[in-house]
Amino acid sequence: MKKVMMKDRAIQESRERFLSGIGVPGKGTFQVDDFQKQAIDNLAAGIDTLVVAPTGSGKTYIAIEAMRNLLKKGQHAVYTTPLKALSNTKYSEFQQTFGPEHSVGLLTGDRKIEGDSDIVIATTEIYRNELYRGTGRYSLVILDEVHYIADPQRGAVWEESIILTPHSSTLLMLSASISNAEEIASWIEETRNKECRIVMKKERPVELRYGFLHPKYGVIPLSDEKGHLSPEVSHFYGSAGLDESGTRVTGKFPGARDDRSGRRGGGRSRAGEGQRGRRGSRRGGR
């Protein structure tokens, strides 16, 4: 019983350390980052810009300021996202940011609201379809999550959006996970016959922590302070028939195999594998 209590206390302490600092930050004076200013200046000059910066570093601020500058000139902008849910979120957000002085519309496969607004939020497919119809009327085109260009199924939508966007429009492309920005920017320059500048920020302003949702203990850190897999996680996978690397252990599952014997069996499972491997494609992204 004493050992169980000590273990529970240790898990609770590790959870508290893991979750420490999470919450709404205190109010302070906003300081524009150098990479944000650089991107905003590029866009004001009509230069296509590819921004690669970690999540939480302020990429949306660049888009908002670029749109503000356009609205002062009476011009229009479109902000595209890969998901209908994200488009709905941005629609609500930008209504609060720009309304009621300026109109904000929404175009997705499910909803069509004031498609001729000053700012239109759309899924990338809908924007691409507008280009097919020759109705591109935007001075600024923002392609959020542009790393989707690497997606085997949907990457062509981003390719065609870039190719078909009028030369007179300025492109702002945002991503947190492109690894070959130079190659993509070079392809964009070749395709659009105009300069494309890269703005990059490598430092992560929000710490990235890896956790594990345990069915018994709840949220716990994936590894201990020395970087070793947490005992609770290791035990969970061991009891599920996996070793610490995520490989199935022979005999734990019906039909499991030992790869060396050639019998039926399982494989590995690593967090993030597959998704990250697709991002940051070669030119063409497919």
C-alpha atoms as a PDB file:
ATOM      1  CA  MET A   1       0.000   0.000   0.000  1.00  0.00           C
ATOM      2  CA  LYS A   2       2.841   2.369   0.888  1.00  0.00           C
ATOM      3  CA  LYS A   3       4.540   1.664  -2.427  1.00  0.00           C
ATOM      4  CA  VAL A   4       1.308   2.359  -4.293  1.00  0.00           C
ATOM      5  CA  MET A   5       0.884   5.682  -2.481  1.00  0.00           C
ATOM      6  CA  MET A   6       4.467   6.682  -3.220  1.00  0.00           C
ATOM      7  CA  LYS A   7       4.010   5.775  -6.879  1.00  0.00           C
ATOM      8  CA  ASP A   8       0.784   7.773  -7.119  1.00  0.00           C
ATOM      9  CA  ARG A   9       2.483  10.756  -5.473  1.00  0.00           C
ATOM     10  CA  ALA A  10       5.400  10.530  -7.894  1.00  0.00           C
ATOM     11  CA  ILE A  11       3.037  10.398 -10.880  1.00  0.00           C
ATOM     12  CA  GLN A  12       1.111  13.390  -9.547  1.00  0.00           C
ATOM     13  CA  GLU A  13       4.319  15.392  -9.118  1.00  0.00           C
ATOM     14  CA  SER A  14       5.530  14.525 -12.606  1.00  0.00           C
ATOM     15  CA  ARG A  15       2.139  15.544 -14.015  1.00  0.00           C
ATOM     16  CA  GLU A  16       2.274  18.881 -12.207  1.00  0.00           C
ATOM     17  CA  ARG A  17       5.748  19.562 -13.603  1.00  0.00           C
ATOM     18  CA  PHE A  18       4.568  18.556 -17.057  1.00  0.00           C
ATOM     19  CA  LEU A  19       1.527  20.868 -16.981  1.00  0.00           C
ATOM     20  CA  SER A  20       3.220  23.773 -15.195  1.00  0.00           C
ATOM     21  CA  GLY A  21       3.046  27.064 -17.030  1.00  0.00           C
ATOM     22  CA  ILE A  22       0.044  26.121 -19.148  1.00  0.00           C
ATOM     23  CA  GLY A  23      -2.634  28.777 -19.213  1.00  0.00           C
ATOM     24  CA  VAL A  24      -3.310  32.311 -20.369  1.00  0.00           C
ATOM     25  CA  PRO A  25      -0.135  34.422 -20.228  1.00  0.00           C
ATOM     26  CA  GLY A  26      -0.107  37.657 -18.320  1.00  0.00           C
ATOM     27  CA  LYS A  27      -0.899  40.880 -20.141  1.00  0.00           C
ATOM     28  CA  GLY A  28       2.006  42.878 -21.482  1.00  0.00           C
ATOM     29  CA  THR A  29       3.057  45.260 -24.218  1.00  0.00           C
ATOM     30  CA  PHE A  30       2.990  43.623 -27.625  1.00  0.00           C
ATOM     31  CA  GLN A  31       6.305  43.664 -29.428  1.00  0.00           C
ATOM     32  CA  VAL A  32       6.432  42.994 -33.151  1.00  0.00           C
ATOM     33  CA  ASP A  33       9.032  40.354 -33.922  1.00  0.00           C
ATOM     34  CA  ASP A  34      11.661  41.062 -36.586  1.00  0.00           C
ATOM     35  CA  PHE A  35      10.410  38.218 -38.783  1.00  0.00           C
ATOM     36  CA  GLN A  36       6.869  39.602 -38.603  1.00  0.00           C
ATOM     37  CA  LYS A  37       7.982  43.086 -39.605  1.00  0.00           C
ATOM     38  CA  GLN A  38      10.073  41.696 -42.447  1.00  0.00           C
ATOM     39  CA  ALA A  39       7.142  39.723 -43.853  1.00  0.00           C
ATOM     40  CA  ILE A  40       4.709  42.650 -43.523  1.00  0.00           C
ATOM     41  CA  ASP A  41       7.134  44.958 -45.340  1.00  0.00           C
ATOM     42  CA  ASN A  42       7.545  42.406 -48.150  1.00  0.00           C
ATOM     43  CA  LEU A  43       3.797  42.144 -48.622  1.00  0.00           C
ATOM     44  CA  ALA A  44       3.345  45.921 -48.583  1.00  0.00           C
ATOM     45  CA  ALA A  45       5.799  46.018 -51.479  1.00  0.00           C
ATOM     46  CA  GLY A  46       3.816  43.361 -53.378  1.00  0.00           C
ATOM     47  CA  ILE A  47       6.438  40.635 -52.935  1.00  0.00           C
ATOM     48  CA  ASP A  48       5.325  37.001 -52.621  1.00  0.00           C
ATOM     49  CA  THR A  49       6.380  35.750 -49.185  1.00  0.00           C
ATOM     50  CA  LEU A  50       6.772  32.281 -47.693  1.00  0.00           C
ATOM     51  CA  VAL A  51       6.747  32.383 -43.886  1.00  0.00           C
ATOM     52  CA  VAL A  52       8.057  29.346 -42.005  1.00  0.00           C
ATOM     53  CA  ALA A  53       7.769  29.712 -38.248  1.00  0.00           C
ATOM     54  CA  PRO A  54       6.831  27.482 -35.289  1.00  0.00           C
ATOM     55  CA  THR A  55       3.278  27.196 -34.053  1.00  0.00           C
ATOM     56  CA  GLY A  56       2.431  30.025 -31.683  1.00  0.00           C
ATOM     57  CA  SER A  57       5.054  32.423 -33.058  1.00  0.00           C
ATOM     58  CA  GLY A  58       2.568  34.867 -34.604  1.00  0.00           C
ATOM     59  CA  LYS A  59       2.113  33.974 -38.266  1.00  0.00           C
ATOM     60  CA  THR A  60      -1.561  35.016 -38.204  1.00  0.00           C
ATOM     61  CA  TYR A  61      -0.514  38.498 -37.056  1.00  0.00           C
ATOM     62  CA  ILE A  62       1.363  38.905 -40.333  1.00  0.00           C
ATOM     63  CA  ALA A  63      -1.774  38.029 -42.285  1.00  0.00           C
ATOM     64  CA  ILE A  64      -3.931  40.406 -40.249  1.00  0.00           C
ATOM     65  CA  GLU A  65      -1.582  43.363 -40.677  1.00  0.00           C
ATOM     66  CA  ALA A  66      -1.201  42.677 -44.394  1.00  0.00           C
ATOM     67  CA  MET A  67      -4.992  42.652 -44.739  1.00  0.00           C
ATOM     68  CA  ARG A  68      -5.294  45.881 -42.750  1.00  0.00           C
ATOM     69  CA  ASN A  69      -2.937  47.600 -45.191  1.00  0.00           C
ATOM     70  CA  LEU A  70      -4.995  46.365 -48.153  1.00  0.00           C
ATOM     71  CA  LEU A  71      -8.303  47.449 -46.687  1.00  0.00           C
ATOM     72  CA  LYS A  72      -7.003  50.995 -46.328  1.00  0.00           C
ATOM     73  CA  LYS A  73      -6.539  50.993 -50.115  1.00  0.00           C
ATOM     74  CA  GLY A  74      -9.989  49.561 -50.782  1.00  0.00           C
ATOM     75  CA  GLN A  75      -8.598  46.234 -51.969  1.00  0.00           C
ATOM     76  CA  HIS A  76      -9.708  42.660 -51.242  1.00  0.00           C
ATOM     77  CA  ALA A  77      -8.060  39.612 -49.677  1.00  0.00           C
ATOM     78  CA  VAL A  78      -8.766  35.899 -49.412  1.00  0.00           C
ATOM     79  CA  TYR A  79      -7.562  33.715 -46.552  1.00  0.00           C
ATOM     80  CA  THR A  80      -7.557  29.993 -47.344  1.00  0.00           C
ATOM     81  CA  THR A  81      -7.284  27.028 -44.998  1.00  0.00           C
ATOM     82  CA  PRO A  82      -7.238  23.256 -45.616  1.00  0.00           C
ATOM     83  CA  LEU A  83     -10.218  22.496 -43.345  1.00  0.00           C
ATOM     84  CA  LYS A  84     -13.815  23.684 -43.171  1.00  0.00           C
ATOM     85  CA  ALA A  85     -13.634  23.774 -39.373  1.00  0.00           C
ATOM     86  CA  LEU A  86     -10.566  26.011 -39.474  1.00  0.00           C
ATOM     87  CA  SER A  87     -12.220  28.258 -42.056  1.00  0.00           C
ATOM     88  CA  ASN A  88     -15.239  28.643 -39.754  1.00  0.00           C
ATOM     89  CA  THR A  89     -12.935  29.533 -36.866  1.00  0.00           C
ATOM     90  CA  LYS A  90     -11.054  32.148 -38.894  1.00  0.00           C
ATOM     91  CA  TYR A  91     -14.349  33.574 -40.130  1.00  0.00           C
ATOM     92  CA  SER A  92     -15.509  34.222 -36.557  1.00  0.00           C
ATOM     93  CA  GLU A  93     -12.091  35.549 -35.559  1.00  0.00           C
ATOM     94  CA  PHE A  94     -11.795  37.961 -38.488  1.00  0.00           C
ATOM     95  CA  GLN A  95     -15.352  39.193 -38.052  1.00  0.00           C
ATOM     96  CA  GLN A  96     -14.335  40.400 -34.605  1.00  0.00           C
ATOM     97  CA  THR A  97     -11.034  41.794 -35.886  1.00  0.00           C
ATOM     98  CA  PHE A  98     -12.277  43.695 -38.952  1.00  0.00           C
ATOM     99  CA  GLY A  99     -16.004  44.178 -38.452  1.00  0.00           C
ATOM    100  CA  PRO A 100     -18.225  46.048 -38.636  1.00  0.00           C
ATOM    101  CA  GLU A 101     -16.148  48.532 -40.658  1.00  0.00           C
ATOM    102  CA  HIS A 102     -15.247  45.867 -43.199  1.00  0.00           C
ATOM    103  CA  SER A 103     -17.233  42.874 -44.417  1.00  0.00           C
ATOM    104  CA  VAL A 104     -15.992  39.309 -43.935  1.00  0.00           C
ATOM    105  CA  GLY A 105     -17.326  36.395 -45.977  1.00  0.00           C
ATOM    106  CA  LEU A 106     -17.052  32.625 -45.837  1.00  0.00           C
ATOM    107  CA  LEU A 107     -16.878  30.096 -48.663  1.00  0.00           C
ATOM    108  CA  THR A 108     -16.717  26.384 -47.890  1.00  0.00           C
ATOM    109  CA  GLY A 109     -18.399  23.314 -49.261  1.00  0.00           C
ATOM    110  CA  ASP A 110     -21.124  23.697 -46.624  1.00  0.00           C
ATOM    111  CA  ARG A 111     -21.519  27.445 -46.152  1.00  0.00           C
ATOM    112  CA  LYS A 112     -21.504  30.461 -48.463  1.00  0.00           C
ATOM    113  CA  ILE A 113     -21.768  33.817 -46.721  1.00  0.00           C
ATOM    114  CA  GLU A 114     -21.207  37.118 -48.518  1.00  0.00           C
ATOM    115  CA  GLY A 115     -18.709  35.812 -51.037  1.00  0.00           C
ATOM    116  CA  ASP A 116     -18.083  39.328 -52.383  1.00  0.00           C
ATOM    117  CA  SER A 117     -16.854  40.679 -49.029  1.00  0.00           C
ATOM    118  CA  ASP A 118     -13.710  42.727 -48.419  1.00  0.00           C
ATOM    119  CA  ILE A 119     -12.122  39.662 -46.829  1.00  0.00           C
ATOM    120  CA  VAL A 120     -13.176  36.148 -47.764  1.00  0.00           C
ATOM    121  CA  ILE A 121     -12.283  33.037 -45.770  1.00  0.00           C
ATOM    122  CA  ALA A 122     -12.345  29.897 -47.892  1.00  0.00           C
ATOM    123  CA  THR A 123     -11.120  26.357 -48.066  1.00  0.00           C
ATOM    124  CA  THR A 124      -8.263  26.026 -50.521  1.00  0.00           C
ATOM    125  CA  GLU A 125     -10.372  23.845 -52.821  1.00  0.00           C
ATOM    126  CA  ILE A 126     -13.045  26.531 -53.067  1.00  0.00           C
ATOM    127  CA  TYR A 127     -10.435  29.182 -53.877  1.00  0.00           C
ATOM    128  CA  ARG A 128      -8.918  26.916 -56.530  1.00  0.00           C
ATOM    129  CA  ASN A 129     -12.380  26.416 -58.037  1.00  0.00           C
ATOM    130  CA  GLU A 130     -12.847  30.194 -58.206  1.00  0.00           C
ATOM    131  CA  LEU A 131      -9.601  30.409 -60.156  1.00  0.00           C
ATOM    132  CA  TYR A 132     -10.903  27.786 -62.577  1.00  0.00           C
ATOM    133  CA  ARG A 133     -13.870  30.080 -63.242  1.00  0.00           C
ATOM    134  CA  GLY A 134     -11.566  33.054 -63.718  1.00  0.00           C
ATOM    135  CA  THR A 135     -13.007  34.997 -60.789  1.00  0.00           C
ATOM    136  CA  GLY A 136      -9.768  35.717 -58.930  1.00  0.00           C
ATOM    137  CA  ARG A 137     -10.249  39.314 -57.765  1.00  0.00           C
ATOM    138  CA  TYR A 138      -8.003  39.443 -54.712  1.00  0.00           C
ATOM    139  CA  SER A 139      -4.977  41.669 -54.243  1.00  0.00           C
ATOM    140  CA  LEU A 140      -3.695  39.445 -51.420  1.00  0.00           C
ATOM    141  CA  VAL A 141      -3.988  35.661 -51.325  1.00  0.00           C
ATOM    142  CA  ILE A 142      -3.104  33.925 -48.057  1.00  0.00           C
ATOM    143  CA  LEU A 143      -2.473  30.189 -48.157  1.00  0.00           C
ATOM    144  CA  ASP A 144      -2.412  28.933 -44.588  1.00  0.00           C
ATOM    145  CA  GLU A 145      -0.888  25.512 -43.829  1.00  0.00           C
ATOM    146  CA  VAL A 146       0.843  25.579 -47.209  1.00  0.00           C
ATOM    147  CA  HIS A 147       2.787  22.403 -46.331  1.00  0.00           C
ATOM    148  CA  TYR A 148      -0.320  20.585 -47.565  1.00  0.00           C
ATOM    149  CA  ILE A 149       1.333  20.935 -50.959  1.00  0.00           C
ATOM    150  CA  ALA A 150       3.151  17.736 -49.955  1.00  0.00           C
ATOM    151  CA  ASP A 151      -0.063  15.768 -49.396  1.00  0.00           C
ATOM    152  CA  PRO A 152      -0.328  12.914 -51.923  1.00  0.00           C
ATOM    153  CA  GLN A 153      -4.089  13.303 -52.285  1.00  0.00           C
ATOM    154  CA  ARG A 154      -4.637  17.057 -51.939  1.00  0.00           C
ATOM    155  CA  GLY A 155      -1.276  18.589 -52.777  1.00  0.00           C
ATOM    156  CA  ALA A 156      -2.323  19.363 -56.341  1.00  0.00           C
ATOM    157  CA  VAL A 157      -4.909  21.838 -55.000  1.00  0.00           C
ATOM    158  CA  TRP A 158      -2.150  23.978 -53.491  1.00  0.00           C
ATOM    159  CA  GLU A 159      -0.007  23.638 -56.596  1.00  0.00           C
ATOM    160  CA  GLU A 160      -2.840  24.768 -58.842  1.00  0.00           C
ATOM    161  CA  SER A 161      -3.778  27.608 -56.482  1.00  0.00           C
ATOM    162  CA  ILE A 162      -0.234  28.955 -56.716  1.00  0.00           C
ATOM    163  CA  ILE A 163       0.010  28.423 -60.469  1.00  0.00           C
ATOM    164  CA  LEU A 164      -3.379  29.989 -61.273  1.00  0.00           C
ATOM    165  CA  THR A 165      -3.264  32.942 -58.863  1.00  0.00           C
ATOM    166  CA  PRO A 166      -2.936  36.079 -61.027  1.00  0.00           C
ATOM    167  CA  HIS A 167       0.520  37.593 -61.281  1.00  0.00           C
ATOM    168  CA  SER A 168      -0.909  40.874 -60.023  1.00  0.00           C
ATOM    169  CA  SER A 169      -1.913  39.276 -56.699  1.00  0.00           C
ATOM    170  CA  THR A 170       0.519  38.957 -53.816  1.00  0.00           C
ATOM    171  CA  LEU A 171       0.908  35.534 -52.189  1.00  0.00           C
ATOM    172  CA  LEU A 172       1.426  35.031 -48.472  1.00  0.00           C
ATOM    173  CA  MET A 173       2.106  31.398 -47.611  1.00  0.00           C
ATOM    174  CA  LEU A 174       2.236  30.231 -43.987  1.00  0.00           C
ATOM    175  CA  SER A 175       3.573  27.015 -42.474  1.00  0.00           C
ATOM    176  CA  ALA A 176       5.185  25.676 -39.331  1.00  0.00           C
ATOM    177  CA  SER A 177       6.679  22.551 -40.844  1.00  0.00           C
ATOM    178  CA  ILE A 178       8.222  23.077 -44.290  1.00  0.00           C
ATOM    179  CA  SER A 179      11.775  21.773 -44.325  1.00  0.00           C
ATOM    180  CA  ASN A 180      12.788  22.743 -47.884  1.00  0.00           C
ATOM    181  CA  ALA A 181      11.614  26.336 -48.097  1.00  0.00           C
ATOM    182  CA  GLU A 182      14.330  27.309 -50.588  1.00  0.00           C
ATOM    183  CA  GLU A 183      13.242  24.657 -53.059  1.00  0.00           C
ATOM    184  CA  ILE A 184       9.578  25.597 -52.814  1.00  0.00           C
ATOM    185  CA  ALA A 185      10.291  29.331 -53.090  1.00  0.00           C
ATOM    186  CA  SER A 186      12.433  28.678 -56.155  1.00  0.00           C
ATOM    187  CA  TRP A 187       9.590  26.744 -57.785  1.00  0.00           C
ATOM    188  CA  ILE A 188       7.122  29.534 -56.965  1.00  0.00           C
ATOM    189  CA  GLU A 189       9.423  32.134 -58.524  1.00  0.00           C
ATOM    190  CA  GLU A 190       9.799  30.015 -61.647  1.00  0.00           C
ATOM    191  CA  THR A 191       6.055  29.381 -61.851  1.00  0.00           C
ATOM    192  CA  ARG A 192       4.879  32.941 -61.208  1.00  0.00           C
ATOM    193  CA  ASN A 193       7.830  34.733 -62.787  1.00  0.00           C
ATOM    194  CA  LYS A 194       8.198  37.057 -59.804  1.00  0.00           C
ATOM    195  CA  GLU A 195      10.263  37.165 -56.631  1.00  0.00           C
ATOM    196  CA  CYS A 196       9.331  35.022 -53.652  1.00  0.00           C
ATOM    197  CA  ARG A 197      11.103  35.781 -50.390  1.00  0.00           C
ATOM    198  CA  ILE A 198      11.476  33.411 -47.466  1.00  0.00           C
ATOM    199  CA  VAL A 199      10.945  34.676 -43.924  1.00  0.00           C
ATOM    200  CA  MET A 200      11.949  32.140 -41.312  1.00  0.00           C
ATOM    201  CA  LYS A 201      11.927  31.953 -37.541  1.00  0.00           C
ATOM    202  CA  LYS A 202      13.506  28.907 -35.934  1.00  0.00           C
ATOM    203  CA  GLU A 203      13.219  29.695 -32.228  1.00  0.00           C
ATOM    204  CA  ARG A 204      10.117  28.198 -30.643  1.00  0.00           C
ATOM    205  CA  PRO A 205       8.334  30.767 -28.415  1.00  0.00           C
ATOM    206  CA  VAL A 206       6.091  28.101 -26.889  1.00  0.00           C
ATOM    207  CA  GLU A 207       7.840  25.102 -25.351  1.00  0.00           C
ATOM    208  CA  LEU A 208       6.996  21.766 -26.956  1.00  0.00           C
ATOM    209  CA  ARG A 209       6.341  18.978 -24.465  1.00  0.00           C
ATOM    210  CA  TYR A 210       5.456  15.379 -25.223  1.00  0.00           C
ATOM    211  CA  GLY A 211       2.776  13.750 -23.123  1.00  0.00           C
ATOM    212  CA  PHE A 212       0.856  10.502 -22.969  1.00  0.00           C
ATOM    213  CA  LEU A 213      -2.832  10.042 -22.171  1.00  0.00           C
ATOM    214  CA  HIS A 214      -2.775   6.986 -19.917  1.00  0.00           C
ATOM    215  CA  PRO A 215      -6.095   5.155 -19.397  1.00  0.00           C
ATOM    216  CA  LYS A 216      -5.420   4.878 -15.644  1.00  0.00           C
ATOM    217  CA  TYR A 217      -3.248   7.867 -14.731  1.00  0.00           C
ATOM    218  CA  GLY A 218      -4.524  10.469 -17.175  1.00  0.00           C
ATOM    219  CA  VAL A 219      -2.080  12.910 -18.771  1.00  0.00           C
ATOM    220  CA  ILE A 220       1.523  12.118 -17.871  1.00  0.00           C
ATOM    221  CA  PRO A 221       4.885  13.042 -19.417  1.00  0.00           C
ATOM    222  CA  LEU A 222       6.055  10.688 -22.133  1.00  0.00           C
ATOM    223  CA  SER A 223       9.566  10.553 -20.703  1.00  0.00           C
ATOM    224  CA  ASP A 224      11.266  11.219 -17.374  1.00  0.00           C
ATOM    225  CA  GLU A 225      13.734  13.996 -16.592  1.00  0.00           C
ATOM    226  CA  LYS A 226      16.612  11.910 -17.991  1.00  0.00           C
ATOM    227  CA  GLY A 227      14.860  11.408 -21.294  1.00  0.00           C
ATOM    228  CA  HIS A 228      13.923   7.773 -20.680  1.00  0.00           C
ATOM    229  CA  LEU A 229      10.460   6.494 -21.497  1.00  0.00           C
ATOM    230  CA  SER A 230       8.209   6.876 -18.441  1.00  0.00           C
ATOM    231  CA  PRO A 231       7.784   3.555 -16.560  1.00  0.00           C
ATOM    232  CA  GLU A 232       4.001   3.854 -16.763  1.00  0.00           C
ATOM    233  CA  VAL A 233       4.139   4.257 -20.538  1.00  0.00           C
ATOM    234  CA  SER A 234       6.636   1.423 -20.861  1.00  0.00           C
ATOM    235  CA  HIS A 235       4.480  -0.847 -18.714  1.00  0.00           C
ATOM    236  CA  PHE A 236       1.355   0.081 -20.681  1.00  0.00           C
ATOM    237  CA  TYR A 237       2.927  -0.930 -23.975  1.00  0.00           C
ATOM    238  CA  GLY A 238       4.440  -4.023 -22.411  1.00  0.00           C
ATOM    239  CA  SER A 239       1.050  -5.150 -21.189  1.00  0.00           C
ATOM    240  CA  ALA A 240      -0.386  -4.441 -24.639  1.00  0.00           C
ATOM    241  CA  GLY A 241       2.134  -6.690 -26.275  1.00  0.00           C
ATOM    242  CA  LEU A 242       4.589  -3.979 -27.378  1.00  0.00           C
ATOM    243  CA  ASP A 243       8.145  -3.373 -26.339  1.00  0.00           C
ATOM    244  CA  GLU A 244       9.436   0.119 -25.511  1.00  0.00           C
ATOM    245  CA  SER A 245      10.113   0.900 -29.179  1.00  0.00           C
ATOM    246  CA  GLY A 246       6.494   0.195 -30.061  1.00  0.00           C
ATOM    247  CA  THR A 247       7.183  -3.183 -31.703  1.00  0.00           C
ATOM    248  CA  ARG A 248       4.780  -6.035 -31.048  1.00  0.00           C
ATOM    249  CA  VAL A 249       6.169  -8.847 -28.971  1.00  0.00           C
ATOM    250  CA  THR A 250       5.644 -12.378 -30.329  1.00  0.00           C
ATOM    251  CA  GLY A 251       2.700 -14.203 -28.812  1.00  0.00           C
ATOM    252  CA  LYS A 252       1.012 -11.192 -27.260  1.00  0.00           C
ATOM    253  CA  PHE A 253      -1.642 -10.850 -29.973  1.00  0.00           C
ATOM    254  CA  PRO A 254      -3.481 -13.453 -31.987  1.00  0.00           C
ATOM    255  CA  GLY A 255      -1.611 -13.788 -35.259  1.00  0.00           C
ATOM    256  CA  ALA A 256       1.395 -11.803 -34.012  1.00  0.00           C
ATOM    257  CA  ARG A 257       4.653 -12.671 -35.662  1.00  0.00           C
ATOM    258  CA  ASP A 258       8.348 -12.538 -35.129  1.00  0.00           C
ATOM    259  CA  ASP A 259       9.615 -10.622 -38.201  1.00  0.00           C
ATOM    260  CA  ARG A 260      12.707 -12.807 -38.329  1.00  0.00           C
ATOM    261  CA  SER A 261      10.604 -15.947 -38.742  1.00  0.00           C
ATOM    262  CA  GLY A 262       8.395 -14.548 -41.498  1.00  0.00           C
ATOM    263  CA  ARG A 263       5.174 -15.405 -39.654  1.00  0.00           C
ATOM    264  CA  ARG A 264       2.205 -13.060 -39.466  1.00  0.00           C
ATOM    265  CA  GLY A 265       2.561 -10.068 -37.254  1.00  0.00           C
ATOM    266  CA  GLY A 266       2.607  -6.411 -36.415  1.00  0.00           C
ATOM    267  CA  GLY A 267       4.753  -3.363 -36.777  1.00  0.00           C
ATOM    268  CA  ARG A 268       5.944  -0.181 -35.194  1.00  0.00           C
ATOM    269  CA  SER A 269       4.058   2.868 -34.119  1.00  0.00           C
ATOM    270  CA  ARG A 270       5.803   6.168 -33.565  1.00  0.00           C
ATOM    271  CA  ALA A 271       4.121   9.420 -32.690  1.00  0.00           C
ATOM    272  CA  GLY A 272       4.141  11.796 -35.629  1.00  0.00           C
ATOM    273  CA  GLU A 273       5.647   9.343 -38.093  1.00  0.00           C
ATOM    274  CA  GLY A 274       4.041   9.562 -41.528  1.00  0.00           C
ATOM    275  CA  GLN A 275       2.540  13.016 -41.113  1.00  0.00           C
ATOM    276  CA  ARG A 276       5.840  14.764 -40.622  1.00  0.00           C
ATOM    277  CA  GLY A 277       7.433  12.707 -43.329  1.00  0.00           C
ATOM    278  CA  ARG A 278       5.005  14.141 -45.867  1.00  0.00           C
ATOM    279  CA  ARG A 279       5.508  17.769 -45.038  1.00  0.00           C
ATOM    280  CA  GLY A 280       7.946  20.002 -46.811  1.00  0.00           C
ATOM    281  CA  SER A 281       7.685  18.354 -50.176  1.00  0.00           C
ATOM    282  CA  ARG A 282       9.865  18.619 -53.183  1.00  0.00           C
ATOM    283  CA  ARG A 283       8.719  21.013 -55.875  1.00  0.00           C
ATOM    284  CA  GLY A 284       5.298  19.876 -56.945  1.00  0.00           C
ATOM    285  CA  GLY A 285       4.705  18.294 -53.547  1.00  0.00           C
ATOM    286  CA  ARG A 286       3.501  14.967 -54.770  1.00  0.00           C
END
